């Protein structure tokens, strides 16, 4: 048994969730895949996969072995990329996690373009605002939009986003317009929640960043949900510019407190803790960084969003 080939087969089966699908992708008979997995399990002395009539499930040992196999295969690919440089075409399977609103509004067109540019890369994208773990979920990369990185995060900055305070003219007509961040506490506020914690709002006041821990009438972990609540005249919210844009252009909302700019959000590509970065992951990071920079410059030249 060629253990390297068997490991690659095991990873393909785990990623595709099917012996038949793995065989089809590899261009071999299903029996070849079955024999390789059986030989690998016999060699290791453990069961890697539990097969039912409907699906395949990894055992605890199989999940741990999958993580190590990916590291080894990625290391081999990285070594080849370093030696072959421009002669190596990025290829393989990418598993990424992206925030829901940012992913749908900004990344979907770029990811589709990426798959056209690199046809030998297959892409699986998980759209969610829930916290994700790179290692436990077997992701190659997470895109995070956040004011700061967590301790220990390994990341590359892809771009930035501005936060904007928005509300409807109807809400402001009834309740008045806050002229200073300190006046926000007297209003109905709609706030963002991350990891179960309501996030404070920060503003630049007289050149210094001041943070306000405010009472929220409504809370959600998705910017689109916050803006939808605000557009129904339920209060004031703070959302990233990629969420605010549609509500300012087409749904009659306005920006507030424009003289008190919130600190910007960073757009990051979070990476596993090991130092080996597969060629396909590097290709995606470079592609997103370049496209996001170009798009941001184009939007900047297009002029500011509507405000009061």
Protein backbone atom coordinates (compact mmCIF):
# COMPACT_ATOMS: atom_id res chain seq x y z
CA UNK A 1 0.00 0.00 0.00
CA UNK A 2 1.27 3.43 -0.94
CA UNK A 3 0.43 5.30 2.26
CA UNK A 4 0.70 8.74 0.69
CA UNK A 5 -1.84 7.82 -2.00
CA UNK A 6 -4.06 6.19 0.61
CA UNK A 7 -3.96 9.33 2.74
CA UNK A 8 -4.91 11.46 -0.27
CA UNK A 9 -7.80 9.08 -1.01
CA UNK A 10 -8.98 9.22 2.61
CA UNK A 11 -8.99 13.04 2.55
CA UNK A 12 -10.94 13.05 -0.72
CA UNK A 13 -13.54 10.64 0.70
CA UNK A 14 -13.90 12.74 3.85
CA UNK A 15 -14.28 15.98 1.88
CA UNK A 16 -16.81 14.61 -0.61
CA UNK A 17 -18.66 12.38 1.86
CA UNK A 18 -18.86 9.47 -0.52
CA UNK A 19 -16.71 6.64 -1.85
CA UNK A 20 -18.37 6.92 -5.24
CA UNK A 21 -17.86 10.69 -5.43
CA UNK A 22 -14.20 10.34 -4.46
CA UNK A 23 -13.71 7.62 -7.08
CA UNK A 24 -15.34 9.81 -9.73
CA UNK A 25 -13.21 12.81 -8.83
CA UNK A 26 -10.03 10.68 -8.89
CA UNK A 27 -10.97 8.85 -12.09
CA UNK A 28 -10.75 5.34 -10.60
CA UNK A 29 -13.20 2.55 -9.82
CA UNK A 30 -15.11 2.71 -6.52
CA UNK A 31 -13.56 -0.62 -5.53
CA UNK A 32 -10.09 0.96 -5.69
CA UNK A 33 -11.12 3.63 -3.18
CA UNK A 34 -12.77 1.05 -0.91
CA UNK A 35 -9.67 -1.15 -0.91
CA UNK A 36 -7.35 1.77 -0.16
CA UNK A 37 -9.42 2.89 2.83
CA UNK A 38 -9.72 -0.67 4.12
CA UNK A 39 -5.94 -1.18 3.81
CA UNK A 40 -5.31 2.12 5.58
CA UNK A 41 -7.62 1.17 8.46
CA UNK A 42 -5.93 -2.23 8.74
CA UNK A 43 -2.48 -0.61 8.78
CA UNK A 44 -3.50 1.89 11.47
CA UNK A 45 -5.48 -0.64 13.47
CA UNK A 46 -8.45 1.72 13.88
CA UNK A 47 -11.72 2.44 12.17
CA UNK A 48 -11.58 5.74 10.30
CA UNK A 49 -15.04 5.86 8.76
CA UNK A 50 -18.42 4.52 9.85
CA UNK A 51 -20.57 3.73 6.85
CA UNK A 52 -24.38 3.82 6.99
CA UNK A 53 -26.93 3.45 4.23
CA UNK A 54 -27.16 7.23 3.77
CA UNK A 55 -23.84 8.80 4.69
CA UNK A 56 -20.29 8.44 5.91
CA UNK A 57 -19.22 9.61 9.35
CA UNK A 58 -15.67 9.97 10.62
CA UNK A 59 -14.79 8.32 13.91
CA UNK A 60 -12.95 10.37 16.53
CA UNK A 61 -9.73 8.75 15.34
CA UNK A 62 -10.70 9.43 11.74
CA UNK A 63 -11.26 13.13 12.42
CA UNK A 64 -7.88 13.44 14.16
CA UNK A 65 -6.16 11.53 11.35
CA UNK A 66 -7.87 13.70 8.72
CA UNK A 67 -6.41 16.84 10.28
CA UNK A 68 -2.89 15.35 10.23
CA UNK A 69 -3.31 14.08 6.66
CA UNK A 70 -4.28 17.55 5.49
CA UNK A 71 -1.22 19.03 7.17
CA UNK A 72 1.05 16.48 5.47
CA UNK A 73 -0.53 16.91 2.03
CA UNK A 74 -0.45 20.69 2.38
CA UNK A 75 3.22 20.53 3.34
CA UNK A 76 3.98 18.47 0.22
CA UNK A 77 2.08 20.93 -1.94
CA UNK A 78 3.87 23.87 -0.33
CA UNK A 79 7.26 22.24 -0.95
CA UNK A 80 6.34 21.69 -4.60
CA UNK A 81 5.09 25.25 -4.93
CA UNK A 82 8.33 26.63 -3.51
CA UNK A 83 10.39 24.57 -5.96
CA UNK A 84 8.21 24.84 -9.04
CA UNK A 85 7.13 28.45 -8.44
CA UNK A 86 5.27 29.78 -11.48
CA UNK A 87 5.09 26.36 -13.10
CA UNK A 88 2.63 25.05 -10.48
CA UNK A 89 -1.04 25.69 -11.15
CA UNK A 90 -3.03 26.09 -7.91
CA UNK A 91 -5.32 23.10 -7.47
CA UNK A 92 -7.19 21.10 -4.86
CA UNK A 93 -10.13 21.62 -2.55
CA UNK A 94 -10.66 24.76 -0.46
CA UNK A 95 -12.96 24.94 2.59
CA UNK A 96 -13.67 28.49 3.72
CA UNK A 97 -16.01 30.24 6.16
CA UNK A 98 -17.31 33.76 5.53
CA UNK A 99 -19.66 36.15 7.39
CA UNK A 100 -23.20 36.02 6.06
CA UNK A 101 -23.86 39.63 4.98
CA UNK A 102 -20.32 40.43 3.85
CA UNK A 103 -20.10 37.10 2.07
CA UNK A 104 -23.33 37.56 0.14
CA UNK A 105 -22.86 41.24 -0.66
CA UNK A 106 -19.14 41.40 -1.38
CA UNK A 107 -17.53 37.98 -1.67
CA UNK A 108 -19.90 35.89 -3.82
CA UNK A 109 -18.96 37.66 -7.10
CA UNK A 110 -15.28 37.45 -6.21
CA UNK A 111 -15.43 33.77 -5.28
CA UNK A 112 -17.22 32.95 -8.52
CA UNK A 113 -14.57 34.86 -10.45
CA UNK A 114 -11.87 33.03 -8.50
CA UNK A 115 -13.24 29.61 -9.49
CA UNK A 116 -13.27 30.71 -13.12
CA UNK A 117 -9.71 31.99 -12.85
CA UNK A 118 -8.52 28.79 -11.13
CA UNK A 119 -10.65 25.97 -12.60
CA UNK A 120 -8.55 23.27 -10.91
CA UNK A 121 -9.58 24.51 -7.45
CA UNK A 122 -12.87 23.32 -5.98
CA UNK A 123 -14.48 25.54 -3.37
CA UNK A 124 -16.83 24.86 -0.44
CA UNK A 125 -18.10 28.00 1.29
CA UNK A 126 -19.88 28.17 4.66
CA UNK A 127 -21.89 31.39 5.13
CA UNK A 128 -22.46 32.06 8.82
CA UNK A 129 -22.15 34.73 11.50
CA UNK A 130 -21.59 32.12 14.21
CA UNK A 131 -18.04 31.76 15.60
CA UNK A 132 -16.06 29.12 13.72
CA UNK A 133 -12.99 27.06 14.54
CA UNK A 134 -10.55 26.46 11.70
CA UNK A 135 -9.14 23.20 13.00
CA UNK A 136 -12.28 21.61 14.41
CA UNK A 137 -14.31 22.37 11.28
CA UNK A 138 -11.54 21.52 8.84
CA UNK A 139 -11.52 24.98 7.23
CA UNK A 140 -8.55 26.27 5.25
CA UNK A 141 -9.43 29.91 5.80
CA UNK A 142 -11.97 32.11 7.60
CA UNK A 143 -12.87 35.62 6.54
CA UNK A 144 -13.58 37.82 9.56
CA UNK A 145 -14.80 41.42 9.68
CA UNK A 146 -13.91 42.78 13.11
CA UNK A 147 -12.43 45.81 14.90
CA UNK A 148 -9.50 43.73 16.11
CA UNK A 149 -8.03 40.24 16.02
CA UNK A 150 -8.30 37.77 18.88
CA UNK A 151 -5.11 36.88 20.80
CA UNK A 152 -3.24 34.17 18.92
CA UNK A 153 -5.00 34.76 15.59
CA UNK A 154 -2.83 34.31 12.52
CA UNK A 155 -4.22 36.46 9.76
CA UNK A 156 -3.63 38.55 6.68
CA UNK A 157 -5.48 41.83 6.32
CA UNK A 158 -7.58 41.94 3.14
CA UNK A 159 -9.13 45.38 3.50
CA UNK A 160 -11.28 47.52 5.75
CA UNK A 161 -14.86 48.61 6.27
CA UNK A 162 -16.43 51.71 7.85
CA UNK A 163 -19.16 51.57 10.45
CA UNK A 164 -22.14 53.88 10.00
CA UNK A 165 -24.93 54.95 12.35
CA UNK A 166 -28.24 54.84 10.48
CA UNK A 167 -31.94 55.46 11.16
CA UNK A 168 -35.09 56.46 9.28
CA UNK A 169 -36.27 60.08 8.98
CA UNK A 170 -39.59 58.94 10.49
CA UNK A 171 -37.90 57.67 13.65
CA UNK A 172 -35.87 60.88 13.97
CA UNK A 173 -38.95 63.04 13.43
CA UNK A 174 -40.64 61.37 16.40
CA UNK A 175 -37.66 61.07 18.75
CA UNK A 176 -35.19 63.73 17.67
CA UNK A 177 -31.68 63.34 16.23
CA UNK A 178 -28.71 62.72 18.54
CA UNK A 179 -25.98 65.28 17.92
CA UNK A 180 -23.34 63.59 20.12
CA UNK A 181 -22.65 59.92 20.93
CA UNK A 182 -23.48 60.65 24.59
CA UNK A 183 -27.07 61.35 23.53
CA UNK A 184 -27.58 57.85 22.14
CA UNK A 185 -28.53 56.39 25.53
CA UNK A 186 -31.84 58.23 25.34
CA UNK A 187 -32.86 56.45 22.12
CA UNK A 188 -34.11 53.02 21.05
CA UNK A 189 -30.93 51.25 19.90
CA UNK A 190 -30.42 48.09 17.88
CA UNK A 191 -27.10 46.40 18.65
CA UNK A 192 -24.77 43.69 17.42
CA UNK A 193 -24.03 40.55 19.43
CA UNK A 194 -20.82 38.49 19.08
CA UNK A 195 -20.22 35.27 20.99
CA UNK A 196 -23.30 36.02 23.04
CA UNK A 197 -22.04 39.44 24.16
CA UNK A 198 -23.60 42.76 23.13
CA UNK A 199 -20.90 44.88 21.51
CA UNK A 200 -20.33 48.48 22.65
CA UNK A 201 -20.25 51.37 20.19
CA UNK A 202 -17.05 53.41 19.80
CA UNK A 203 -16.59 56.87 18.29
CA UNK A 204 -13.79 59.37 17.80
CA UNK A 205 -14.56 62.32 20.06
CA UNK A 206 -12.11 65.23 20.06
CA UNK A 207 -9.48 63.02 18.48
CA UNK A 208 -9.81 60.21 21.03
CA UNK A 209 -11.74 56.95 20.77
CA UNK A 210 -14.53 56.78 23.35
CA UNK A 211 -16.49 53.57 23.96
CA UNK A 212 -20.14 53.59 24.99
CA UNK A 213 -21.84 50.62 26.64
CA UNK A 214 -25.43 51.21 25.61
CA UNK A 215 -28.79 49.60 26.39
CA UNK A 216 -30.17 47.83 23.31
CA UNK A 217 -33.85 47.43 22.55
CA UNK A 218 -33.08 44.69 20.03
CA UNK A 219 -29.96 42.58 19.44
CA UNK A 220 -28.82 40.28 16.63
CA UNK A 221 -25.62 38.71 15.33
CA UNK A 222 -26.20 39.84 11.73
CA UNK A 223 -25.92 43.36 10.33
CA UNK A 224 -28.72 42.84 7.81
CA UNK A 225 -31.10 41.96 10.63
CA UNK A 226 -30.10 45.13 12.49
CA UNK A 227 -30.71 47.31 9.43
CA UNK A 228 -34.06 45.62 8.74
CA UNK A 229 -35.20 46.47 12.26
CA UNK A 230 -34.06 50.07 11.89
CA UNK A 231 -35.72 50.54 8.49
CA UNK A 232 -39.04 49.68 10.20
CA UNK A 233 -38.62 52.78 12.41
CA UNK A 234 -37.71 50.70 15.47
CA UNK A 235 -34.59 52.66 16.36
CA UNK A 236 -30.99 53.57 15.54
CA UNK A 237 -28.36 51.01 14.61
CA UNK A 238 -24.64 50.81 13.82
CA UNK A 239 -23.72 48.62 10.83
CA UNK A 240 -20.82 48.19 8.39
CA UNK A 241 -20.91 50.23 5.19
CA UNK A 242 -21.48 47.15 3.03
CA UNK A 243 -24.77 46.61 4.89
CA UNK A 244 -25.72 50.28 5.14
CA UNK A 245 -25.21 51.04 1.43
CA UNK A 246 -28.46 49.53 0.13
CA UNK A 247 -30.51 51.07 2.94
CA UNK A 248 -29.06 54.52 2.31
CA UNK A 249 -29.42 54.39 -1.47
CA UNK A 250 -32.75 52.69 -1.94
CA UNK A 251 -34.66 52.49 1.33
CA UNK A 252 -34.65 56.05 2.56
CA UNK A 253 -32.40 55.75 5.60
CA UNK A 254 -29.89 58.42 6.63
CA UNK A 255 -26.59 58.50 8.50
CA UNK A 256 -26.11 60.13 11.90
CA UNK A 257 -23.17 61.41 13.94
CA UNK A 258 -21.02 61.84 10.83
CA UNK A 259 -18.59 64.07 12.75
CA UNK A 260 -17.85 61.23 15.21
CA UNK A 261 -16.29 58.53 13.05
CA UNK A 262 -16.30 55.02 14.53
CA UNK A 263 -12.98 53.14 14.27
CA UNK A 264 -12.85 51.11 11.08
CA UNK A 265 -13.31 47.37 10.90
CA UNK A 266 -10.58 45.19 9.48
CA UNK A 267 -11.33 42.50 6.92
CA UNK A 268 -9.05 39.56 7.69
CA UNK A 269 -8.23 36.13 6.31
CA UNK A 270 -7.70 33.92 9.37
CA UNK A 271 -5.36 30.99 8.85
CA UNK A 272 -4.52 27.77 10.71
CA UNK A 273 -1.74 27.97 13.27
CA UNK A 274 0.71 25.85 11.28
CA UNK A 275 3.14 27.77 9.12
CA UNK A 276 2.57 25.78 5.93
CA UNK A 277 0.23 27.59 3.56
CA UNK A 278 -0.93 25.57 0.54
CA UNK A 279 -0.55 27.21 -2.85
CA UNK A 280 -4.32 27.22 -3.37
CA UNK A 281 -4.86 29.13 -0.10
CA UNK A 282 -2.22 31.68 -1.02
CA UNK A 283 -3.86 32.11 -4.41
CA UNK A 284 -7.25 32.84 -2.81
CA UNK A 285 -5.81 35.30 -0.27
CA UNK A 286 -3.90 37.22 -2.94
CA UNK A 287 -6.93 37.24 -5.22
CA UNK A 288 -9.32 38.56 -2.54
CA UNK A 289 -6.86 41.19 -1.28
CA UNK A 290 -6.33 42.54 -4.79
CA UNK A 291 -10.01 42.55 -5.77
CA UNK A 292 -11.22 44.05 -2.50
CA UNK A 293 -8.64 46.84 -2.77
CA UNK A 294 -9.67 47.64 -6.34
CA UNK A 295 -13.38 47.58 -5.48
CA UNK A 296 -12.91 49.77 -2.41
CA UNK A 297 -11.02 52.36 -4.48
CA UNK A 298 -13.75 52.31 -7.11
CA UNK A 299 -16.45 52.83 -4.47
CA UNK A 300 -14.45 55.62 -2.83
CA UNK A 301 -14.22 57.52 -6.11
CA UNK A 302 -17.95 57.07 -6.58
CA UNK A 303 -18.62 59.51 -3.72
CA UNK A 304 -20.09 59.28 -0.21
CA UNK A 305 -23.37 57.64 0.73
CA UNK A 306 -26.42 59.89 1.35
CA UNK A 307 -26.47 61.53 4.79
CA UNK A 308 -28.32 64.20 6.66
